[in-house]
C-alpha atoms as a PDB file:
ATOM      1  CA  MET A   1       6.877  19.243  19.217  1.00  0.00           C
ATOM      2  CA  SER A   2       3.269  20.500  18.060  1.00  0.00           C
ATOM      3  CA  LYS A   3       0.217  18.379  17.950  1.00  0.00           C
ATOM      4  CA  SER A   4      -1.826  17.911  14.736  1.00  0.00           C
ATOM      5  CA  ASN A   5      -5.531  19.305  14.843  1.00  0.00           C
ATOM      6  CA  GLY A   6      -6.426  16.337  12.603  1.00  0.00           C
ATOM      7  CA  GLN A   7      -6.776  12.760  13.505  1.00  0.00           C
ATOM      8  CA  CYS A   8      -4.527  10.021  12.171  1.00  0.00           C
ATOM      9  CA  PRO A   9      -5.882   8.827   8.867  1.00  0.00           C
ATOM     10  CA  LEU A  10      -5.009   4.856   9.737  1.00  0.00           C
ATOM     11  CA  CYS A  11      -6.071   4.300  13.213  1.00  0.00           C
ATOM     12  CA  GLY A  12      -8.042   7.273  13.883  1.00  0.00           C
ATOM     13  CA  HIS A  13      -6.175   8.572  16.913  1.00  0.00           C
ATOM     14  CA  PRO A  14      -7.607  12.145  17.470  1.00  0.00           C
ATOM     15  CA  THR A  15      -4.759  13.434  19.676  1.00  0.00           C
ATOM     16  CA  GLY A  16      -1.684  11.436  19.451  1.00  0.00           C
ATOM     17  CA  CYS A  17      -0.207  12.690  16.456  1.00  0.00           C
ATOM     18  CA  SER A  18       3.066  15.294  16.699  1.00  0.00           C
ATOM     19  CA  SER A  19       5.029  17.224  14.154  1.00  0.00           C
ATOM     20  CA  PHE A  20       7.576  15.002  13.131  1.00  0.00           C
ATOM     21  CA  TYR A  21       9.169  16.968  10.115  1.00  0.00           C
ATOM     22  CA  ALA A  22       8.858  20.014   8.022  1.00  0.00           C
ATOM     23  CA  ASN A  23      10.331  21.270   4.585  1.00  0.00           C
ATOM     24  CA  ASN A  24       9.755  24.133   2.220  1.00  0.00           C
ATOM     25  CA  SER A  25       7.173  22.036   0.617  1.00  0.00           C
ATOM     26  CA  ARG A  26       5.026  20.383   3.472  1.00  0.00           C
ATOM     27  CA  GLU A  27       4.603  19.226   7.089  1.00  0.00           C
ATOM     28  CA  PHE A  28       4.580  15.524   8.288  1.00  0.00           C
ATOM     29  CA  TYR A  29       3.045  14.218  11.377  1.00  0.00           C
ATOM     30  CA  ARG A  30       3.627  11.068  13.015  1.00  0.00           C
ATOM     31  CA  CYS A  31       0.976   9.242  15.038  1.00  0.00           C
ATOM     32  CA  GLU A  32       1.928   8.044  18.291  1.00  0.00           C
ATOM     33  CA  CYS A  33      -0.474   4.866  18.314  1.00  0.00           C
ATOM     34  CA  CYS A  34       0.153   3.198  14.906  1.00  0.00           C
ATOM     35  CA  PHE A  35       3.436   5.251  14.028  1.00  0.00           C
ATOM     36  CA  LEU A  36       2.446   6.316  10.431  1.00  0.00           C
ATOM     37  CA  ILE A  37       3.756   9.524   9.269  1.00  0.00           C
ATOM     38  CA  TYR A  38       1.169  11.525   7.027  1.00  0.00           C
ATOM     39  CA  VAL A  39       0.790  14.683   5.352  1.00  0.00           C
ATOM     40  CA  PRO A  40      -2.086  16.568   6.405  1.00  0.00           C
ATOM     41  CA  PRO A  41      -4.877  17.374   3.629  1.00  0.00           C
ATOM     42  CA  ALA A  42      -4.144  20.982   3.340  1.00  0.00           C
ATOM     43  CA  TYR A  43      -1.008  20.033   1.486  1.00  0.00           C
ATOM     44  CA  HIS A  44      -2.389  17.265  -0.823  1.00  0.00           C
ATOM     45  CA  LEU A  45      -2.504  17.858  -4.602  1.00  0.00           C
ATOM     46  CA  SER A  46      -5.750  18.022  -6.310  1.00  0.00           C
ATOM     47  CA  ARG A  47      -6.934  15.278  -8.227  1.00  0.00           C
ATOM     48  CA  ALA A  48      -5.778  16.695 -11.609  1.00  0.00           C
ATOM     49  CA  GLU A  49      -2.398  17.463 -10.406  1.00  0.00           C
ATOM     50  CA  GLU A  50      -1.907  14.166  -8.736  1.00  0.00           C
ATOM     51  CA  LYS A  51      -3.158  12.469 -12.331  1.00  0.00           C
ATOM     52  CA  ALA A  52      -0.583  14.569 -13.859  1.00  0.00           C
ATOM     53  CA  GLU A  53       2.429  13.394 -11.979  1.00  0.00           C
ATOM     54  CA  TYR A  54       1.130   9.996 -12.535  1.00  0.00           C
ATOM     55  CA  ASP A  55       0.950  10.363 -16.442  1.00  0.00           C
ATOM     56  CA  LYS A  56       4.648  11.164 -16.464  1.00  0.00           C
ATOM     57  CA  HIS A  57       5.530   7.244 -15.333  1.00  0.00           C
ATOM     58  CA  GLN A  58       6.892   5.151 -18.107  1.00  0.00           C
ATOM     59  CA  ASN A  59       6.154   1.579 -16.565  1.00  0.00           C
ATOM     60  CA  SER A  60       5.653  -0.927 -19.036  1.00  0.00           C
ATOM     61  CA  PRO A  61       5.120  -4.963 -19.199  1.00  0.00           C
ATOM     62  CA  GLU A  62       7.966  -5.072 -21.559  1.00  0.00           C
ATOM     63  CA  ASP A  63      10.800  -3.109 -19.142  1.00  0.00           C
ATOM     64  CA  ALA A  64      12.677  -5.782 -17.590  1.00  0.00           C
ATOM     65  CA  GLY A  65      13.999  -3.337 -15.088  1.00  0.00           C
ATOM     66  CA  TYR A  66      10.643  -2.658 -13.870  1.00  0.00           C
ATOM     67  CA  ARG A  67       9.674  -6.442 -13.651  1.00  0.00           C
ATOM     68  CA  LYS A  68      12.974  -6.922 -11.681  1.00  0.00           C
ATOM     69  CA  PHE A  69      11.690  -4.016  -9.326  1.00  0.00           C
ATOM     70  CA  LEU A  70       8.474  -5.910  -8.995  1.00  0.00           C
ATOM     71  CA  SER A  71       9.736  -9.332  -8.396  1.00  0.00           C
ATOM     72  CA  ARG A  72      10.628  -8.121  -4.641  1.00  0.00           C
ATOM     73  CA  LEU A  73       6.886  -8.429  -4.171  1.00  0.00           C
ATOM     74  CA  TYR A  74       6.149 -10.948  -6.899  1.00  0.00           C
ATOM     75  CA  ILE A  75       8.299 -13.523  -5.938  1.00  0.00           C
ATOM     76  CA  PRO A  76       7.543 -13.941  -2.006  1.00  0.00           C
ATOM     77  CA  LEU A  77       4.114 -13.616  -2.738  1.00  0.00           C
ATOM     78  CA  ARG A  78       3.980 -16.137  -5.830  1.00  0.00           C
ATOM     79  CA  GLU A  79       5.668 -18.909  -3.432  1.00  0.00           C
ATOM     80  CA  ARG A  80       2.593 -18.755  -1.272  1.00  0.00           C
ATOM     81  CA  ILE A  81      -0.484 -19.018  -3.760  1.00  0.00           C
ATOM     82  CA  MET A  82      -1.477 -21.921  -6.115  1.00  0.00           C
ATOM     83  CA  THR A  83      -1.271 -21.674  -9.586  1.00  0.00           C
ATOM     84  CA  GLY A  84      -4.763 -20.591 -10.907  1.00  0.00           C
ATOM     85  CA  ALA A  85      -5.361 -18.307  -7.888  1.00  0.00           C
ATOM     86  CA  GLN A  86      -7.641 -15.338  -8.177  1.00  0.00           C
ATOM     87  CA  GLY A  87      -5.890 -11.935  -7.698  1.00  0.00           C
ATOM     88  CA  LEU A  88      -6.429  -8.543  -7.674  1.00  0.00           C
ATOM     89  CA  ASP A  89      -3.671  -5.674  -8.238  1.00  0.00           C
ATOM     90  CA  PHE A  90      -5.085  -2.955  -6.324  1.00  0.00           C
ATOM     91  CA  GLY A  91      -3.538   0.289  -7.824  1.00  0.00           C
ATOM     92  CA  SER A  92      -2.231  -1.090 -11.172  1.00  0.00           C
ATOM     93  CA  GLY A  93      -1.221   2.111 -12.648  1.00  0.00           C
ATOM     94  CA  PRO A  94      -0.903   3.525 -16.321  1.00  0.00           C
ATOM     95  CA  GLY A  95       1.028   0.251 -17.528  1.00  0.00           C
ATOM     96  CA  PRO A  96      -0.353  -2.893 -15.615  1.00  0.00           C
ATOM     97  CA  THR A  97       2.518  -5.185 -15.391  1.00  0.00           C
ATOM     98  CA  LEU A  98       2.365  -7.256 -11.952  1.00  0.00           C
ATOM     99  CA  SER A  99      -0.848  -8.438 -12.981  1.00  0.00           C
ATOM    100  CA  ARG A 100       0.657  -9.674 -16.128  1.00  0.00           C
ATOM    101  CA  MET A 101       3.612 -11.412 -14.380  1.00  0.00           C
ATOM    102  CA  PHE A 102       0.943 -13.244 -12.316  1.00  0.00           C
ATOM    103  CA  GLU A 103      -0.924 -14.414 -15.489  1.00  0.00           C
ATOM    104  CA  GLU A 104       2.102 -15.567 -17.456  1.00  0.00           C
ATOM    105  CA  THR A 105       2.257 -18.321 -14.343  1.00  0.00           C
ATOM    106  CA  GLY A 106      -1.155 -19.279 -14.579  1.00  0.00           C
ATOM    107  CA  CYS A 107      -2.923 -17.202 -12.038  1.00  0.00           C
ATOM    108  CA  ARG A 108      -5.974 -15.159 -12.908  1.00  0.00           C
ATOM    109  CA  MET A 109      -6.188 -11.473 -12.425  1.00  0.00           C
ATOM    110  CA  LYS A 110      -8.455  -8.439 -12.047  1.00  0.00           C
ATOM    111  CA  ILE A 111      -7.059  -4.709 -12.074  1.00  0.00           C
ATOM    112  CA  TYR A 112      -8.056  -1.436 -10.400  1.00  0.00           C
ATOM    113  CA  ASP A 113      -6.562   1.771 -10.294  1.00  0.00           C
ATOM    114  CA  PRO A 114      -8.583   5.225  -9.325  1.00  0.00           C
ATOM    115  CA  PHE A 115      -7.396   6.646 -12.320  1.00  0.00           C
ATOM    116  CA  TYR A 116      -6.516   4.142 -14.896  1.00  0.00           C
ATOM    117  CA  ALA A 117      -9.044   1.313 -14.523  1.00  0.00           C
ATOM    118  CA  PRO A 118     -11.600   2.948 -12.168  1.00  0.00           C
ATOM    119  CA  ASP A 119     -14.330   0.326 -12.825  1.00  0.00           C
ATOM    120  CA  ARG A 120     -15.134  -0.411  -9.295  1.00  0.00           C
ATOM    121  CA  LYS A 121     -16.920  -4.172 -10.185  1.00  0.00           C
ATOM    122  CA  SER A 122     -13.584  -5.585  -9.196  1.00  0.00           C
ATOM    123  CA  LEU A 123     -13.919  -3.927  -5.699  1.00  0.00           C
ATOM    124  CA  SER A 124     -17.462  -5.142  -5.159  1.00  0.00           C
ATOM    125  CA  LEU A 125     -17.803  -7.859  -2.179  1.00  0.00           C
ATOM    126  CA  SER A 126     -19.143 -10.414  -4.583  1.00  0.00           C
ATOM    127  CA  ASN A 127     -15.590 -10.760  -5.696  1.00  0.00           C
ATOM    128  CA  GLN A 128     -13.166 -12.730  -3.407  1.00  0.00           C
ATOM    129  CA  TYR A 129      -9.633 -13.243  -4.117  1.00  0.00           C
ATOM    130  CA  ASP A 130      -6.984 -15.480  -3.077  1.00  0.00           C
ATOM    131  CA  PHE A 131      -4.369 -12.730  -2.946  1.00  0.00           C
ATOM    132  CA  ILE A 132      -3.991  -8.997  -3.401  1.00  0.00           C
ATOM    133  CA  THR A 133      -1.171  -6.745  -4.332  1.00  0.00           C
ATOM    134  CA  ALA A 134      -0.605  -3.285  -3.457  1.00  0.00           C
ATOM    135  CA  SER A 135       2.705  -2.158  -5.150  1.00  0.00           C
ATOM    136  CA  GLU A 136       3.709   1.354  -4.707  1.00  0.00           C
ATOM    137  CA  VAL A 137       0.168   2.365  -3.616  1.00  0.00           C
ATOM    138  CA  LEU A 138      -0.452   2.946   0.180  1.00  0.00           C
ATOM    139  CA  GLU A 139       2.125   5.980   0.224  1.00  0.00           C
ATOM    140  CA  HIS A 140      -0.435   7.542  -2.056  1.00  0.00           C
ATOM    141  CA  CYS A 141      -3.496   6.918  -0.239  1.00  0.00           C
ATOM    142  CA  HIS A 142      -5.496   9.834   1.521  1.00  0.00           C
ATOM    143  CA  ASP A 143      -7.710   7.359   3.522  1.00  0.00           C
ATOM    144  CA  PRO A 144      -5.652   4.204   4.330  1.00  0.00           C
ATOM    145  CA  SER A 145      -7.779   3.012   6.686  1.00  0.00           C
ATOM    146  CA  ALA A 146     -10.810   2.744   4.482  1.00  0.00           C
ATOM    147  CA  ASP A 147      -8.788   1.314   1.658  1.00  0.00           C
ATOM    148  CA  LEU A 148      -6.651  -1.539   4.000  1.00  0.00           C
ATOM    149  CA  ASP A 149     -10.658  -2.223   5.313  1.00  0.00           C
ATOM    150  CA  LEU A 150     -11.729  -2.768   1.690  1.00  0.00           C
ATOM    151  CA  LEU A 151      -9.106  -5.181   0.704  1.00  0.00           C
ATOM    152  CA  TRP A 152      -9.013  -7.127   3.671  1.00  0.00           C
ATOM    153  CA  SER A 153     -12.690  -7.786   3.147  1.00  0.00           C
ATOM    154  CA  LEU A 154     -11.879  -8.978  -0.558  1.00  0.00           C
ATOM    155  CA  LEU A 155      -9.468 -11.422   0.717  1.00  0.00           C
ATOM    156  CA  LYS A 156     -10.780 -15.276   0.888  1.00  0.00           C
ATOM    157  CA  PRO A 157      -9.832 -16.861   4.424  1.00  0.00           C
ATOM    158  CA  GLY A 158      -6.431 -18.055   4.088  1.00  0.00           C
ATOM    159  CA  GLY A 159      -6.013 -15.299   1.385  1.00  0.00           C
ATOM    160  CA  TRP A 160      -2.662 -13.052   1.149  1.00  0.00           C
ATOM    161  CA  LEU A 161      -2.284  -9.283   0.965  1.00  0.00           C
ATOM    162  CA  GLY A 162       1.021  -8.554  -0.368  1.00  0.00           C
ATOM    163  CA  ILE A 163       2.444  -4.629   0.015  1.00  0.00           C
ATOM    164  CA  MET A 164       5.407  -2.844  -1.231  1.00  0.00           C
ATOM    165  CA  THR A 165       5.939   0.597  -0.010  1.00  0.00           C
ATOM    166  CA  GLY A 166       9.291   2.343   0.873  1.00  0.00           C
ATOM    167  CA  MET A 167       9.816   2.279   4.936  1.00  0.00           C
ATOM    168  CA  ALA A 168      10.171   5.200   6.878  1.00  0.00           C
ATOM    169  CA  LEU A 169      12.975   5.123   9.719  1.00  0.00           C
ATOM    170  CA  ASP A 170      14.288   7.438  12.039  1.00  0.00           C
ATOM    171  CA  ARG A 171      14.083  11.472  11.985  1.00  0.00           C
ATOM    172  CA  ASN A 172      17.190  11.908  10.495  1.00  0.00           C
ATOM    173  CA  SER A 173      16.819   9.438   7.700  1.00  0.00           C
ATOM    174  CA  PHE A 174      13.480  10.920   6.867  1.00  0.00           C
ATOM    175  CA  ALA A 175      15.094  14.148   6.233  1.00  0.00           C
ATOM    176  CA  THR A 176      17.327  12.898   3.527  1.00  0.00           C
ATOM    177  CA  TRP A 177      14.942  10.499   2.086  1.00  0.00           C
ATOM    178  CA  ARG A 178      13.894  11.007  -1.618  1.00  0.00           C
ATOM    179  CA  TYR A 179      10.719   9.158  -1.095  1.00  0.00           C
ATOM    180  CA  LYS A 180       8.995  11.828   0.991  1.00  0.00           C
ATOM    181  CA  ASP A 181       9.946  14.350  -1.620  1.00  0.00           C
ATOM    182  CA  ASP A 182       7.142  12.985  -4.465  1.00  0.00           C
ATOM    183  CA  LEU A 183       4.224  15.210  -3.513  1.00  0.00           C
ATOM    184  CA  THR A 184       1.665  12.153  -4.615  1.00  0.00           C
ATOM    185  CA  HIS A 185       3.202  10.660  -1.372  1.00  0.00           C
ATOM    186  CA  VAL A 186       1.099  11.451   1.794  1.00  0.00           C
ATOM    187  CA  CYS A 187       1.549   8.269   4.212  1.00  0.00           C
ATOM    188  CA  PHE A 188       4.839   6.710   5.110  1.00  0.00           C
ATOM    189  CA  PHE A 189       4.614   3.410   6.850  1.00  0.00           C
ATOM    190  CA  SER A 190       7.316   2.050   9.037  1.00  0.00           C
ATOM    191  CA  LYS A 191       7.761  -1.697  10.364  1.00  0.00           C
ATOM    192  CA  GLN A 192       6.005  -0.529  13.672  1.00  0.00           C
ATOM    193  CA  THR A 193       2.888   0.647  11.578  1.00  0.00           C
ATOM    194  CA  MET A 194       3.257  -2.781   9.611  1.00  0.00           C
ATOM    195  CA  GLU A 195       3.066  -4.858  12.785  1.00  0.00           C
ATOM    196  CA  TRP A 196       0.215  -2.574  14.103  1.00  0.00           C
ATOM    197  CA  ILE A 197      -2.007  -3.116  10.854  1.00  0.00           C
ATOM    198  CA  ALA A 198      -1.230  -7.145  11.730  1.00  0.00           C
ATOM    199  CA  VAL A 199      -2.603  -6.845  15.290  1.00  0.00           C
ATOM    200  CA  LYS A 200      -5.424  -5.019  13.739  1.00  0.00           C
ATOM    201  CA  TYR A 201      -6.181  -7.731  11.466  1.00  0.00           C
ATOM    202  CA  GLN A 202      -5.159 -10.631  13.793  1.00  0.00           C
ATOM    203  CA  THR A 203      -2.692 -11.819  11.770  1.00  0.00           C
ATOM    204  CA  LYS A 204       1.172 -11.858  11.577  1.00  0.00           C
ATOM    205  CA  MET A 205       3.583  -9.303   9.153  1.00  0.00           C
ATOM    206  CA  LEU A 206       6.005 -11.301   7.392  1.00  0.00           C
ATOM    207  CA  LEU A 207       8.926  -8.748   6.072  1.00  0.00           C
ATOM    208  CA  SER A 208      10.570  -9.559   2.926  1.00  0.00           C
ATOM    209  CA  GLY A 209      13.665  -7.579   2.043  1.00  0.00           C
ATOM    210  CA  ARG A 210      13.472  -3.837   3.336  1.00  0.00           C
ATOM    211  CA  ASP A 211       9.952  -2.798   1.830  1.00  0.00           C
ATOM    212  CA  VAL A 212       7.891  -5.573   1.005  1.00  0.00           C
ATOM    213  CA  CYS A 213       5.324  -7.068   3.998  1.00  0.00           C
ATOM    214  CA  LEU A 214       2.703 -10.007   3.684  1.00  0.00           C
ATOM    215  CA  PHE A 215      -0.186 -10.680   5.694  1.00  0.00           C
ATOM    216  CA  GLN A 216      -2.422 -13.968   5.548  1.00  0.00           C
ATOM    217  CA  LYS A 217      -6.337 -13.715   6.640  1.00  0.00           C
ATOM    218  CA  LYS A 218      -6.931 -16.447   8.992  1.00  0.00           C
ATOM    219  CA  LYS A 219      -8.448 -19.610   7.514  1.00  0.00           C
ATOM    220  CA  GLU A 220     -12.160 -20.433   8.665  1.00  0.00           C
ATOM    221  CA  ASN A 221     -12.078 -22.442  11.546  1.00  0.00           C
ATOM    222  CA  THR A 222      -8.355 -22.699  12.345  1.00  0.00           C
ATOM    223  CA  THR A 223      -5.406 -20.618  14.107  1.00  0.00           C
ATOM    224  CA  GLN A 224      -2.640 -19.405  12.519  1.00  0.00           C
END
């Protein structure tokens, strides 16, 4: 397998990334250190092209089916936080819904989205959150290392980061995986990648279902 000329966008490994899969549209590389599968920048959409794709989404807080989909992240995370907790929905999209679901059960929410809610005040370190959600977001991130570091820094000690994203499996499964065919998806995580993230942040990865991972930031002066 050929080696990538670039470095892994998650762990920064400069040489341990090999060609994993290719089709008529793009190439995909896999990092041998953190196991992230990623699309090189040469295949990324422009910002305008990316937004045009997101504008096609018809997600709405009134859509019961969409709420059911989001409940895969909402339920296990809500079970772990107190009523009145302060949360951030990172990558809230054109029709913020997950934030509404938490607000309906007594949580206080802020949202951020680079296209639809771009006010970065919610990402200021003066804000500290009891929990942060990133639902169907990380697969779109061009710099997942920086984004995850930022989110982790915004969590209070003892706070929770909840991630929902499609989980990559082996190469044969990847070849027929429709998730990879969305041209806005440029990073693909696996259970191994999530475990690597847990080690980086000195925590544990809790897997809920097939595509939800929860991480708790260490509490001050305690061990997990």
